[in-house]
């Protein structure tokens, strides 16, 4: 009787970043295991990059590969690296309405939101810390991490209250 042996398929792994990827052979009709990118040696390593996906069409990155699909022929798979995204959130400290959170990539300038308002309070700026020690300038700083900016407020004393305190 005949014995059927699966046809070997070669998968070439490619990258848009310089790293040494090994090729793999799988039997036709079987699943391909997603490479563990932490096990590869990189010529260029950056914590500001992340894998955006695996694709069949190289740098165009338009045809994603689904690792739950069986492999039936030789093919090239491209890992696409892109800038890691971070989130900036705003803490209002009980006053005003928070600007919407912003998603940004590492070391890009973050646009300044409109200054918030709250009746009876003056907005004094954005700070990196809850103790209001390190002020934040949207013009000068860029960042590479998730972060929260804290709104500092000062109570505004109405003119008629000032007059009453002075006895006028």
Protein backbone atom coordinates (compact mmCIF):
# COMPACT_ATOMS: atom_id res chain seq x y z
CA UNK A 1 0.00 0.00 0.00
CA UNK A 2 1.09 3.58 -0.59
CA UNK A 3 2.39 5.83 2.13
CA UNK A 4 1.87 9.55 1.66
CA UNK A 5 4.52 11.89 2.95
CA UNK A 6 3.78 15.57 3.31
CA UNK A 7 5.53 17.88 0.91
CA UNK A 8 8.01 20.18 2.67
CA UNK A 9 7.38 23.90 2.29
CA UNK A 10 10.10 26.44 2.94
CA UNK A 11 9.22 29.70 4.65
CA UNK A 12 11.66 32.58 4.37
CA UNK A 13 11.34 35.17 7.10
CA UNK A 14 12.22 38.75 6.16
CA UNK A 15 12.33 41.98 8.18
CA UNK A 16 12.22 45.72 7.51
CA UNK A 17 14.83 46.04 10.30
CA UNK A 18 18.28 44.47 10.29
CA UNK A 19 17.99 41.24 12.26
CA UNK A 20 19.01 37.67 11.57
CA UNK A 21 15.94 35.52 11.00
CA UNK A 22 16.15 31.79 10.35
CA UNK A 23 14.10 30.11 7.65
CA UNK A 24 11.79 27.25 8.50
CA UNK A 25 10.46 24.13 6.82
CA UNK A 26 6.92 22.93 7.47
CA UNK A 27 4.92 20.08 6.01
CA UNK A 28 2.33 21.14 3.44
CA UNK A 29 -1.03 21.60 5.14
CA UNK A 30 0.44 22.25 8.58
CA UNK A 31 0.48 25.41 10.64
CA UNK A 32 3.48 27.68 10.89
CA UNK A 33 4.64 28.69 14.36
CA UNK A 34 4.99 32.44 14.83
CA UNK A 35 8.69 33.20 15.42
CA UNK A 36 9.63 34.38 18.90
CA UNK A 37 11.29 37.67 18.03
CA UNK A 38 12.85 37.91 21.50
CA UNK A 39 15.10 35.01 20.58
CA UNK A 40 16.67 36.71 17.57
CA UNK A 41 19.84 38.73 17.49
CA UNK A 42 19.24 42.29 16.32
CA UNK A 43 21.76 44.53 14.66
CA UNK A 44 19.51 47.47 15.50
CA UNK A 45 17.54 47.25 18.73
CA UNK A 46 15.19 49.88 20.03
CA UNK A 47 12.57 49.84 22.74
CA UNK A 48 10.72 52.43 20.68
CA UNK A 49 9.87 49.87 17.99
CA UNK A 50 7.36 47.05 18.08
CA UNK A 51 6.14 44.37 15.72
CA UNK A 52 3.11 45.63 13.86
CA UNK A 53 2.44 42.31 12.16
CA UNK A 54 3.51 39.60 9.71
CA UNK A 55 2.74 40.18 6.03
CA UNK A 56 2.96 38.45 2.67
CA UNK A 57 3.72 41.62 0.72
CA UNK A 58 6.82 43.07 2.34
CA UNK A 59 7.04 46.75 3.19
CA UNK A 60 3.62 47.46 1.69
CA UNK A 61 2.23 45.65 4.77
CA UNK A 62 -1.23 45.30 3.25
CA UNK A 63 -1.72 41.50 3.22
CA UNK A 64 -1.43 40.17 6.79
CA UNK A 65 -0.54 36.55 7.46
CA UNK A 66 -2.84 34.63 9.77
CA UNK A 67 -0.84 32.01 11.68
CA UNK A 68 -3.99 29.88 12.01
CA UNK A 69 -3.85 29.28 8.22
CA UNK A 70 -2.09 26.14 6.96
CA UNK A 71 0.93 26.53 4.68
CA UNK A 72 0.65 24.80 1.27
CA UNK A 73 3.62 26.22 -0.66
CA UNK A 74 6.98 27.92 -0.27
CA UNK A 75 6.55 31.54 0.74
CA UNK A 76 8.18 34.63 2.17
CA UNK A 77 6.80 36.24 5.32
CA UNK A 78 7.77 39.75 6.34
CA UNK A 79 7.78 41.00 9.91
CA UNK A 80 6.92 44.67 9.92
CA UNK A 81 8.35 46.87 12.65
CA UNK A 82 6.89 50.25 13.41
CA UNK A 83 7.10 52.97 16.00
CA UNK A 84 5.69 51.98 19.37
CA UNK A 85 2.60 53.94 20.32
CA UNK A 86 2.04 55.55 23.68
CA UNK A 87 -0.92 57.25 25.36
CA UNK A 88 -1.00 60.65 27.03
CA UNK A 89 -3.84 61.19 29.50
CA UNK A 90 -4.81 64.27 31.44
CA UNK A 91 -5.67 64.36 35.16
CA UNK A 92 -7.83 67.36 36.01
CA UNK A 93 -7.60 67.11 39.82
CA UNK A 94 -11.33 67.70 40.27
CA UNK A 95 -11.70 70.76 38.04
CA UNK A 96 -12.71 71.40 34.45
CA UNK A 97 -13.10 68.88 31.64
CA UNK A 98 -10.12 66.76 30.61
CA UNK A 99 -8.88 66.97 27.02
CA UNK A 100 -9.16 63.70 25.12
CA UNK A 101 -6.28 61.26 25.54
CA UNK A 102 -3.67 61.41 22.78
CA UNK A 103 -1.96 58.46 21.12
CA UNK A 104 1.53 59.30 19.88
CA UNK A 105 4.79 57.69 18.79
CA UNK A 106 8.08 58.04 20.60
CA UNK A 107 9.81 61.42 20.56
CA UNK A 108 7.16 63.17 18.51
CA UNK A 109 5.91 66.57 19.61
CA UNK A 110 2.57 66.41 21.32
CA UNK A 111 0.19 69.24 20.44
CA UNK A 112 -0.96 71.36 23.36
CA UNK A 113 -4.66 71.17 24.18
CA UNK A 114 -6.67 74.32 24.87
CA UNK A 115 -6.27 75.49 28.45
CA UNK A 116 -9.10 74.04 30.54
CA UNK A 117 -11.40 76.28 32.55
CA UNK A 118 -13.39 75.96 35.75
CA UNK A 119 -15.49 78.64 37.42
CA UNK A 120 -13.74 80.02 40.49
CA UNK A 121 -10.34 78.59 39.51
CA UNK A 122 -7.41 79.64 37.39
CA UNK A 123 -5.55 76.99 35.39
CA UNK A 124 -1.82 77.20 36.22
CA UNK A 125 -0.40 74.69 33.73
CA UNK A 126 0.38 71.01 33.14
CA UNK A 127 2.83 69.04 35.27
CA UNK A 128 4.53 65.67 34.95
CA UNK A 129 3.96 64.82 38.60
CA UNK A 130 1.13 65.03 41.12
CA UNK A 131 3.23 67.26 43.42
CA UNK A 132 3.50 69.93 40.65
CA UNK A 133 7.32 70.02 40.76
CA UNK A 134 8.09 69.31 37.09
CA UNK A 135 6.15 71.54 34.72
CA UNK A 136 5.47 70.36 31.19
CA UNK A 137 6.14 72.43 28.09
CA UNK A 138 4.53 71.19 24.90
CA UNK A 139 7.03 73.28 22.92
CA UNK A 140 10.23 71.83 24.34
CA UNK A 141 9.66 68.24 25.37
CA UNK A 142 9.00 64.94 23.67
CA UNK A 143 8.46 61.65 25.44
CA UNK A 144 8.65 57.89 24.89
CA UNK A 145 6.31 56.27 27.38
CA UNK A 146 2.69 56.25 28.49
CA UNK A 147 2.21 59.27 30.67
CA UNK A 148 -0.27 61.38 32.58
CA UNK A 149 -0.11 65.16 32.84
CA UNK A 150 -1.60 66.79 35.93
CA UNK A 151 -3.54 70.07 35.85
CA UNK A 152 -2.59 72.60 38.51
CA UNK A 153 -5.31 74.99 39.68
CA UNK A 154 -5.46 78.04 41.91
CA UNK A 155 -8.64 79.32 43.54
CA UNK A 156 -9.65 82.78 42.39
CA UNK A 157 -10.88 85.07 45.16
CA UNK A 158 -13.68 87.35 43.90
CA UNK A 159 -13.13 91.12 44.21
CA UNK A 160 -16.13 91.59 46.54
CA UNK A 161 -14.64 89.06 49.01
CA UNK A 162 -11.30 90.90 48.99
CA UNK A 163 -13.11 94.15 49.83
CA UNK A 164 -14.95 92.51 52.76
CA UNK A 165 -11.73 91.11 54.19
CA UNK A 166 -10.11 94.57 54.14
CA UNK A 167 -13.12 96.12 55.83
CA UNK A 168 -14.13 98.20 52.79
